[in-house]
PDB file of N, CA and C in Angstrom:
ATOM      1  N   MET A   1     -10.158   2.406 -11.980  1.00  0.00           N
ATOM      2  CA  MET A   1      -9.977   1.191 -11.302  1.00  0.00           C
ATOM      3  C   MET A   1     -10.194   2.690  -9.931  1.00  0.00           C
ATOM      4  N   GLU A   2     -10.794   2.004  -8.678  1.00  0.00           N
ATOM      5  CA  GLU A   2     -10.974   3.119  -7.786  1.00  0.00           C
ATOM      6  C   GLU A   2     -10.032   2.689  -6.718  1.00  0.00           C
ATOM      7  N   LEU A   3      -9.210   3.161  -5.742  1.00  0.00           N
ATOM      8  CA  LEU A   3      -8.809   2.910  -4.944  1.00  0.00           C
ATOM      9  C   LEU A   3      -8.978   3.429  -3.961  1.00  0.00           C
ATOM     10  N   HIS A   4      -8.834   2.965  -2.930  1.00  0.00           N
ATOM     11  CA  HIS A   4      -9.021   3.625  -1.195  1.00  0.00           C
ATOM     12  C   HIS A   4      -8.026   3.808  -0.255  1.00  0.00           C
ATOM     13  N   VAL A   5      -8.150   4.586   0.632  1.00  0.00           N
ATOM     14  CA  VAL A   5      -7.345   4.506   1.393  1.00  0.00           C
ATOM     15  C   VAL A   5      -7.254   3.113   2.342  1.00  0.00           C
ATOM     16  N   GLY A   6      -5.594   2.834   2.667  1.00  0.00           N
ATOM     17  CA  GLY A   6      -5.796   1.233   3.410  1.00  0.00           C
ATOM     18  C   GLY A   6      -6.386   0.073   2.164  1.00  0.00           C
ATOM     19  N   ASP A   7      -6.400   0.410   1.197  1.00  0.00           N
ATOM     20  CA  ASP A   7      -5.566  -1.022   0.314  1.00  0.00           C
ATOM     21  C   ASP A   7      -4.799  -1.834   0.199  1.00  0.00           C
ATOM     22  N   VAL A   8      -4.857  -2.784   0.177  1.00  0.00           N
ATOM     23  CA  VAL A   8      -3.572  -3.450  -0.304  1.00  0.00           C
ATOM     24  C   VAL A   8      -3.489  -3.799  -2.169  1.00  0.00           C
ATOM     25  N   VAL A   9      -2.167  -3.378  -2.413  1.00  0.00           N
ATOM     26  CA  VAL A   9      -2.178  -3.114  -3.960  1.00  0.00           C
ATOM     27  C   VAL A   9      -0.625  -4.121  -4.572  1.00  0.00           C
ATOM     28  N   TYR A  10      -0.836  -4.763  -5.258  1.00  0.00           N
ATOM     29  CA  TYR A  10      -0.019  -4.938  -6.304  1.00  0.00           C
ATOM     30  C   TYR A  10       0.417  -4.584  -7.363  1.00  0.00           C
ATOM     31  N   SER A  11       1.744  -4.551  -7.510  1.00  0.00           N
ATOM     32  CA  SER A  11       2.436  -3.561  -8.125  1.00  0.00           C
ATOM     33  C   SER A  11       2.852  -4.284  -9.643  1.00  0.00           C
ATOM     34  N   ARG A  12       2.125  -3.899 -10.742  1.00  0.00           N
ATOM     35  CA  ARG A  12       2.469  -4.470 -12.385  1.00  0.00           C
ATOM     36  C   ARG A  12       3.402  -3.942 -12.909  1.00  0.00           C
ATOM     37  N   ALA A  13       3.826  -2.916 -12.503  1.00  0.00           N
ATOM     38  CA  ALA A  13       4.839  -2.033 -13.257  1.00  0.00           C
ATOM     39  C   ALA A  13       5.758  -1.313 -12.965  1.00  0.00           C
ATOM     40  N   GLY A  14       6.950  -1.205 -13.279  1.00  0.00           N
ATOM     41  CA  GLY A  14       8.325  -0.406 -12.752  1.00  0.00           C
ATOM     42  C   GLY A  14       9.173  -1.401 -11.795  1.00  0.00           C
ATOM     43  N   ARG A  15      10.469  -0.845 -11.619  1.00  0.00           N
ATOM     44  CA  ARG A  15      11.451  -1.147 -10.359  1.00  0.00           C
ATOM     45  C   ARG A  15      10.589  -2.359  -9.607  1.00  0.00           C
ATOM     46  N   ASP A  16       9.155  -1.778  -8.936  1.00  0.00           N
ATOM     47  CA  ASP A  16       8.676  -2.724  -7.754  1.00  0.00           C
ATOM     48  C   ASP A  16       7.745  -3.602  -8.049  1.00  0.00           C
ATOM     49  N   GLN A  17       7.898  -3.894  -9.487  1.00  0.00           N
ATOM     50  CA  GLN A  17       6.674  -4.662 -10.372  1.00  0.00           C
ATOM     51  C   GLN A  17       6.523  -5.887  -9.268  1.00  0.00           C
ATOM     52  N   GLY A  18       5.867  -6.981  -8.831  1.00  0.00           N
ATOM     53  CA  GLY A  18       5.295  -8.073  -8.372  1.00  0.00           C
ATOM     54  C   GLY A  18       5.424  -7.790  -6.935  1.00  0.00           C
ATOM     55  N   ARG A  19       5.318  -6.921  -6.255  1.00  0.00           N
ATOM     56  CA  ARG A  19       5.742  -6.385  -4.871  1.00  0.00           C
ATOM     57  C   ARG A  19       4.050  -5.851  -4.433  1.00  0.00           C
ATOM     58  N   TYR A  20       4.216  -6.137  -3.433  1.00  0.00           N
ATOM     59  CA  TYR A  20       2.553  -5.657  -2.705  1.00  0.00           C
ATOM     60  C   TYR A  20       2.981  -4.207  -1.390  1.00  0.00           C
ATOM     61  N   PHE A  21       1.923  -3.724  -1.522  1.00  0.00           N
ATOM     62  CA  PHE A  21       2.305  -2.402  -0.865  1.00  0.00           C
ATOM     63  C   PHE A  21       0.874  -1.628  -0.305  1.00  0.00           C
ATOM     64  N   LEU A  22       1.108  -1.255   0.593  1.00  0.00           N
ATOM     65  CA  LEU A  22      -0.739  -0.217   0.852  1.00  0.00           C
ATOM     66  C   LEU A  22      -0.580   0.810   0.890  1.00  0.00           C
ATOM     67  N   VAL A  23      -1.927   1.044   0.525  1.00  0.00           N
ATOM     68  CA  VAL A  23      -1.917   2.946   0.007  1.00  0.00           C
ATOM     69  C   VAL A  23      -2.259   3.645   1.416  1.00  0.00           C
ATOM     70  N   ILE A  24      -1.575   4.519   1.237  1.00  0.00           N
ATOM     71  CA  ILE A  24      -1.691   5.486   2.536  1.00  0.00           C
ATOM     72  C   ILE A  24      -2.307   6.974   2.114  1.00  0.00           C
ATOM     73  N   GLU A  25      -2.366   7.191   0.903  1.00  0.00           N
ATOM     74  CA  GLU A  25      -2.972   8.758   0.869  1.00  0.00           C
ATOM     75  C   GLU A  25      -3.256   8.454  -1.235  1.00  0.00           C
ATOM     76  N   LEU A  26      -4.253   9.268  -0.887  1.00  0.00           N
ATOM     77  CA  LEU A  26      -4.727   8.953  -2.368  1.00  0.00           C
ATOM     78  C   LEU A  26      -4.459  10.545  -2.952  1.00  0.00           C
ATOM     79  N   VAL A  27      -3.707  11.027  -3.797  1.00  0.00           N
ATOM     80  CA  VAL A  27      -2.825  12.461  -4.622  1.00  0.00           C
ATOM     81  C   VAL A  27      -3.911  12.997  -5.356  1.00  0.00           C
ATOM     82  N   ASP A  28      -4.554  12.230  -6.370  1.00  0.00           N
ATOM     83  CA  ASP A  28      -5.427  13.108  -7.159  1.00  0.00           C
ATOM     84  C   ASP A  28      -5.881  11.458  -7.618  1.00  0.00           C
ATOM     85  N   GLU A  29      -6.775  11.637  -9.150  1.00  0.00           N
ATOM     86  CA  GLU A  29      -7.505  10.657  -9.914  1.00  0.00           C
ATOM     87  C   GLU A  29      -6.105   9.879 -10.343  1.00  0.00           C
ATOM     88  N   GLN A  30      -5.139   9.982 -10.300  1.00  0.00           N
ATOM     89  CA  GLN A  30      -3.994   9.439 -11.361  1.00  0.00           C
ATOM     90  C   GLN A  30      -2.936   9.042 -10.372  1.00  0.00           C
ATOM     91  N   TYR A  31      -2.859   9.157  -9.099  1.00  0.00           N
ATOM     92  CA  TYR A  31      -1.563   8.753  -8.121  1.00  0.00           C
ATOM     93  C   TYR A  31      -2.306   8.735  -6.802  1.00  0.00           C
ATOM     94  N   VAL A  32      -1.283   8.095  -6.124  1.00  0.00           N
ATOM     95  CA  VAL A  32      -1.190   7.612  -4.838  1.00  0.00           C
ATOM     96  C   VAL A  32      -0.274   7.239  -4.135  1.00  0.00           C
ATOM     97  N   LEU A  33      -0.070   7.452  -3.231  1.00  0.00           N
ATOM     98  CA  LEU A  33       1.283   7.376  -2.166  1.00  0.00           C
ATOM     99  C   LEU A  33       0.960   5.793  -1.498  1.00  0.00           C
ATOM    100  N   ILE A  34       1.691   5.198  -1.754  1.00  0.00           N
ATOM    101  CA  ILE A  34       1.523   3.410  -1.295  1.00  0.00           C
ATOM    102  C   ILE A  34       3.589   3.540  -0.253  1.00  0.00           C
ATOM    103  N   THR A  35       3.089   2.351   0.326  1.00  0.00           N
ATOM    104  CA  THR A  35       4.327   2.006   1.039  1.00  0.00           C
ATOM    105  C   THR A  35       4.388   0.752   1.542  1.00  0.00           C
ATOM    106  N   ASP A  36       5.924  -0.011   1.435  1.00  0.00           N
ATOM    107  CA  ASP A  36       5.618  -1.604   1.968  1.00  0.00           C
ATOM    108  C   ASP A  36       6.553  -1.600   3.262  1.00  0.00           C
ATOM    109  N   GLY A  37       6.811  -0.385   3.845  1.00  0.00           N
ATOM    110  CA  GLY A  37       7.523  -0.474   5.409  1.00  0.00           C
ATOM    111  C   GLY A  37       9.030  -0.948   5.316  1.00  0.00           C
ATOM    112  N   LYS A  38       9.624  -1.457   3.984  1.00  0.00           N
ATOM    113  CA  LYS A  38      10.803  -1.804   3.994  1.00  0.00           C
ATOM    114  C   LYS A  38      11.112  -0.874   2.870  1.00  0.00           C
ATOM    115  N   LEU A  39      11.271  -1.096   2.151  1.00  0.00           N
ATOM    116  CA  LEU A  39      12.114  -0.109   0.357  1.00  0.00           C
ATOM    117  C   LEU A  39      11.362   1.594   0.884  1.00  0.00           C
ATOM    118  N   ARG A  40      10.213   0.882   0.683  1.00  0.00           N
ATOM    119  CA  ARG A  40       9.029   2.212   0.620  1.00  0.00           C
ATOM    120  C   ARG A  40       8.785   2.845   2.055  1.00  0.00           C
ATOM    121  N   ARG A  41       9.706   3.852   2.440  1.00  0.00           N
ATOM    122  CA  ARG A  41       8.953   3.349   3.962  1.00  0.00           C
ATOM    123  C   ARG A  41       7.992   4.885   4.379  1.00  0.00           C
ATOM    124  N   LEU A  42       7.749   4.565   5.509  1.00  0.00           N
ATOM    125  CA  LEU A  42       6.272   5.456   5.536  1.00  0.00           C
ATOM    126  C   LEU A  42       6.613   6.875   5.682  1.00  0.00           C
ATOM    127  N   GLU A  43       7.877   7.319   5.894  1.00  0.00           N
ATOM    128  CA  GLU A  43       8.875   8.579   6.242  1.00  0.00           C
ATOM    129  C   GLU A  43       8.930   9.200   4.611  1.00  0.00           C
ATOM    130  N   ALA A  44       8.855   7.799   3.359  1.00  0.00           N
ATOM    131  CA  ALA A  44       9.385   8.528   2.354  1.00  0.00           C
ATOM    132  C   ALA A  44       8.353   7.588   0.941  1.00  0.00           C
ATOM    133  N   PRO A  45       7.037   8.079   1.445  1.00  0.00           N
ATOM    134  CA  PRO A  45       6.228   7.024   0.405  1.00  0.00           C
ATOM    135  C   PRO A  45       6.753   7.080  -1.015  1.00  0.00           C
ATOM    136  N   LYS A  46       6.089   5.885  -1.859  1.00  0.00           N
ATOM    137  CA  LYS A  46       6.148   6.046  -3.070  1.00  0.00           C
ATOM    138  C   LYS A  46       5.324   6.365  -4.161  1.00  0.00           C
ATOM    139  N   ARG A  47       5.171   7.401  -4.692  1.00  0.00           N
ATOM    140  CA  ARG A  47       3.895   7.884  -5.291  1.00  0.00           C
ATOM    141  C   ARG A  47       3.916   7.225  -7.018  1.00  0.00           C
ATOM    142  N   LYS A  48       2.701   6.551  -7.096  1.00  0.00           N
ATOM    143  CA  LYS A  48       2.570   5.871  -8.105  1.00  0.00           C
ATOM    144  C   LYS A  48       1.092   5.904  -9.123  1.00  0.00           C
ATOM    145  N   LYS A  49       1.390   5.505  -9.840  1.00  0.00           N
ATOM    146  CA  LYS A  49       0.315   5.677 -10.808  1.00  0.00           C
ATOM    147  C   LYS A  49      -0.787   4.567 -10.517  1.00  0.00           C
ATOM    148  N   VAL A  50      -2.074   4.907 -10.688  1.00  0.00           N
ATOM    149  CA  VAL A  50      -3.245   4.224 -10.417  1.00  0.00           C
ATOM    150  C   VAL A  50      -3.163   2.562 -11.266  1.00  0.00           C
ATOM    151  N   LYS A  51      -2.944   3.111 -12.639  1.00  0.00           N
ATOM    152  CA  LYS A  51      -3.335   2.100 -13.490  1.00  0.00           C
ATOM    153  C   LYS A  51      -1.892   1.067 -13.750  1.00  0.00           C
ATOM    154  N   HIS A  52      -1.178   1.098 -12.972  1.00  0.00           N
ATOM    155  CA  HIS A  52       0.445   0.366 -12.782  1.00  0.00           C
ATOM    156  C   HIS A  52      -0.163  -0.360 -11.203  1.00  0.00           C
ATOM    157  N   LEU A  53      -1.487  -0.492 -10.793  1.00  0.00           N
ATOM    158  CA  LEU A  53      -1.429  -0.936  -9.536  1.00  0.00           C
ATOM    159  C   LEU A  53      -2.946  -1.999  -9.995  1.00  0.00           C
ATOM    160  N   LYS A  54      -2.540  -3.067  -9.363  1.00  0.00           N
ATOM    161  CA  LYS A  54      -3.964  -4.362  -9.371  1.00  0.00           C
ATOM    162  C   LYS A  54      -4.242  -4.281  -7.903  1.00  0.00           C
ATOM    163  N   ALA A  55      -5.364  -3.938  -7.623  1.00  0.00           N
ATOM    164  CA  ALA A  55      -5.925  -3.563  -6.347  1.00  0.00           C
ATOM    165  C   ALA A  55      -6.253  -5.275  -5.920  1.00  0.00           C
ATOM    166  N   LEU A  56      -6.050  -6.142  -4.513  1.00  0.00           N
ATOM    167  CA  LEU A  56      -6.649  -7.010  -4.281  1.00  0.00           C
ATOM    168  C   LEU A  56      -8.002  -6.803  -3.621  1.00  0.00           C
ATOM    169  N   PRO A  57      -8.352  -8.060  -3.036  1.00  0.00           N
ATOM    170  CA  PRO A  57     -10.268  -7.971  -2.652  1.00  0.00           C
ATOM    171  C   PRO A  57      -9.728  -7.482  -1.506  1.00  0.00           C
ATOM    172  N   PRO A  58     -10.342  -6.837  -0.704  1.00  0.00           N
ATOM    173  CA  PRO A  58     -10.611  -6.114   0.642  1.00  0.00           C
ATOM    174  C   PRO A  58     -10.037  -7.349   1.568  1.00  0.00           C
ATOM    175  N   GLN A  59      -8.615  -7.205   2.409  1.00  0.00           N
ATOM    176  CA  GLN A  59      -7.891  -7.840   3.161  1.00  0.00           C
ATOM    177  C   GLN A  59      -8.856  -7.711   4.553  1.00  0.00           C
ATOM    178  N   ASP A  60      -8.414  -7.833   5.444  1.00  0.00           N
ATOM    179  CA  ASP A  60      -9.124  -8.598   6.402  1.00  0.00           C
ATOM    180  C   ASP A  60      -7.830  -8.133   7.630  1.00  0.00           C
ATOM    181  N   LEU A  61      -6.920  -7.403   6.948  1.00  0.00           N
ATOM    182  CA  LEU A  61      -5.784  -6.932   7.923  1.00  0.00           C
ATOM    183  C   LEU A  61      -6.089  -5.641   9.012  1.00  0.00           C
ATOM    184  N   ARG A  62      -5.068  -5.791  10.427  1.00  0.00           N
ATOM    185  CA  ARG A  62      -5.013  -4.957  11.248  1.00  0.00           C
ATOM    186  C   ARG A  62      -4.673  -3.226  10.483  1.00  0.00           C
ATOM    187  N   ILE A  63      -3.274  -3.563   9.907  1.00  0.00           N
ATOM    188  CA  ILE A  63      -3.000  -2.277   9.184  1.00  0.00           C
ATOM    189  C   ILE A  63      -3.743  -1.348   8.298  1.00  0.00           C
ATOM    190  N   CYS A  64      -4.664  -2.471   7.821  1.00  0.00           N
ATOM    191  CA  CYS A  64      -5.373  -1.561   6.643  1.00  0.00           C
ATOM    192  C   CYS A  64      -6.565  -0.899   7.194  1.00  0.00           C
ATOM    193  N   GLU A  65      -6.991  -1.614   8.880  1.00  0.00           N
ATOM    194  CA  GLU A  65      -8.452  -0.413   9.383  1.00  0.00           C
ATOM    195  C   GLU A  65      -7.363   0.355  10.473  1.00  0.00           C
ATOM    196  N   LYS A  66      -6.273  -0.048  10.349  1.00  0.00           N
ATOM    197  CA  LYS A  66      -5.362   1.558  11.410  1.00  0.00           C
ATOM    198  C   LYS A  66      -5.298   2.650  10.120  1.00  0.00           C
ATOM    199  N   VAL A  67      -4.914   2.416   9.095  1.00  0.00           N
ATOM    200  CA  VAL A  67      -4.711   3.409   8.091  1.00  0.00           C
ATOM    201  C   VAL A  67      -6.303   3.835   7.996  1.00  0.00           C
ATOM    202  N   ARG A  68      -7.157   3.529   7.962  1.00  0.00           N
ATOM    203  CA  ARG A  68      -8.434   3.728   7.101  1.00  0.00           C
ATOM    204  C   ARG A  68      -9.135   4.924   8.620  1.00  0.00           C
ATOM    205  N   ASN A  69      -8.405   4.357  10.047  1.00  0.00           N
ATOM    206  CA  ASN A  69      -8.912   5.103  11.088  1.00  0.00           C
ATOM    207  C   ASN A  69      -7.861   6.376  11.542  1.00  0.00           C
ATOM    208  N   GLY A  70      -6.749   6.568  10.750  1.00  0.00           N
ATOM    209  CA  GLY A  70      -6.382   7.483  11.023  1.00  0.00           C
ATOM    210  C   GLY A  70      -5.252   7.257  12.072  1.00  0.00           C
ATOM    211  N   GLU A  71      -4.901   5.766  12.566  1.00  0.00           N
ATOM    212  CA  GLU A  71      -4.586   5.602  13.928  1.00  0.00           C
ATOM    213  C   GLU A  71      -2.923   5.630  13.489  1.00  0.00           C
ATOM    214  N   LYS A  72      -2.203   5.779  14.351  1.00  0.00           N
ATOM    215  CA  LYS A  72      -0.465   5.768  13.994  1.00  0.00           C
ATOM    216  C   LYS A  72      -0.129   4.198  13.576  1.00  0.00           C
ATOM    217  N   LEU A  73       0.942   3.934  12.341  1.00  0.00           N
ATOM    218  CA  LEU A  73       0.841   2.874  12.579  1.00  0.00           C
ATOM    219  C   LEU A  73       2.788   2.909  12.003  1.00  0.00           C
ATOM    220  N   THR A  74       3.196   1.517  12.139  1.00  0.00           N
ATOM    221  CA  THR A  74       4.984   2.093  11.876  1.00  0.00           C
ATOM    222  C   THR A  74       5.107   0.891  10.749  1.00  0.00           C
ATOM    223  N   ASN A  75       6.267   1.073  10.397  1.00  0.00           N
ATOM    224  CA  ASN A  75       7.087  -0.027   9.256  1.00  0.00           C
ATOM    225  C   ASN A  75       6.770  -0.937   9.791  1.00  0.00           C
ATOM    226  N   SER A  76       7.338  -1.470  11.161  1.00  0.00           N
ATOM    227  CA  SER A  76       7.470  -2.793  11.178  1.00  0.00           C
ATOM    228  C   SER A  76       5.879  -3.571  11.253  1.00  0.00           C
ATOM    229  N   GLU A  77       5.015  -2.596  11.858  1.00  0.00           N
ATOM    230  CA  GLU A  77       3.659  -3.572  11.137  1.00  0.00           C
ATOM    231  C   GLU A  77       3.406  -3.685   9.910  1.00  0.00           C
ATOM    232  N   ILE A  78       4.212  -2.610   9.192  1.00  0.00           N
ATOM    233  CA  ILE A  78       3.283  -3.004   7.618  1.00  0.00           C
ATOM    234  C   ILE A  78       4.296  -4.219   6.631  1.00  0.00           C
ATOM    235  N   ARG A  79       5.651  -4.035   7.491  1.00  0.00           N
ATOM    236  CA  ARG A  79       6.541  -5.388   6.741  1.00  0.00           C
ATOM    237  C   ARG A  79       5.922  -6.460   6.990  1.00  0.00           C
ATOM    238  N   ARG A  80       5.968  -6.351   8.540  1.00  0.00           N
ATOM    239  CA  ARG A  80       5.036  -7.941   9.182  1.00  0.00           C
ATOM    240  C   ARG A  80       3.427  -8.441   8.206  1.00  0.00           C
ATOM    241  N   GLU A  81       2.896  -7.341   7.562  1.00  0.00           N
ATOM    242  CA  GLU A  81       1.680  -7.619   7.089  1.00  0.00           C
ATOM    243  C   GLU A  81       1.833  -7.969   5.716  1.00  0.00           C
ATOM    244  N   MET A  82       2.801  -7.776   5.259  1.00  0.00           N
ATOM    245  CA  MET A  82       3.253  -7.624   3.788  1.00  0.00           C
ATOM    246  C   MET A  82       3.634  -8.667   3.661  1.00  0.00           C
ATOM    247  N   ALA A  83       4.547  -9.427   4.630  1.00  0.00           N
ATOM    248  CA  ALA A  83       5.374 -10.649   4.284  1.00  0.00           C
ATOM    249  C   ALA A  83       4.307 -11.699   4.841  1.00  0.00           C
ATOM    250  N   SER A  84       3.353 -11.379   5.256  1.00  0.00           N
ATOM    251  CA  SER A  84       2.483 -12.465   5.055  1.00  0.00           C
ATOM    252  C   SER A  84       1.791 -12.592   4.186  1.00  0.00           C
ATOM    253  N   LEU A  85       1.900 -11.776   3.395  1.00  0.00           N
ATOM    254  CA  LEU A  85       0.907 -11.706   1.834  1.00  0.00           C
ATOM    255  C   LEU A  85       1.659 -12.545   0.697  1.00  0.00           C
ATOM    256  N   SER A  86       3.002 -12.174   1.008  1.00  0.00           N
ATOM    257  CA  SER A  86       3.883 -12.805  -0.079  1.00  0.00           C
ATOM    258  C   SER A  86       3.842 -14.142   0.131  1.00  0.00           C
ATOM    259  N   GLU A  87       3.580 -14.723   1.410  1.00  0.00           N
ATOM    260  CA  GLU A  87       4.173 -16.106   1.582  1.00  0.00           C
ATOM    261  C   GLU A  87       2.528 -16.963   0.471  1.00  0.00           C
TER     262      GLU A  87
END
């Protein structure tokens, strides 16, 4: 599975199973850094194996575009968008 910066993913394993996250950095082929703006903030993203994540179809979210373009992003923006996905 190929993940990109700005993708929204669903955690399939671990303590955070069942939560939505935003990919903010690709570490290598096996790992990415993810954040949800709440438990995993931008200041301390989680390093997670790609095989434990499920990529969602491309989302038309403002935060995805901001991450891809390298714009400044806040935890509150991420929390708001992730909450809308959970509903």
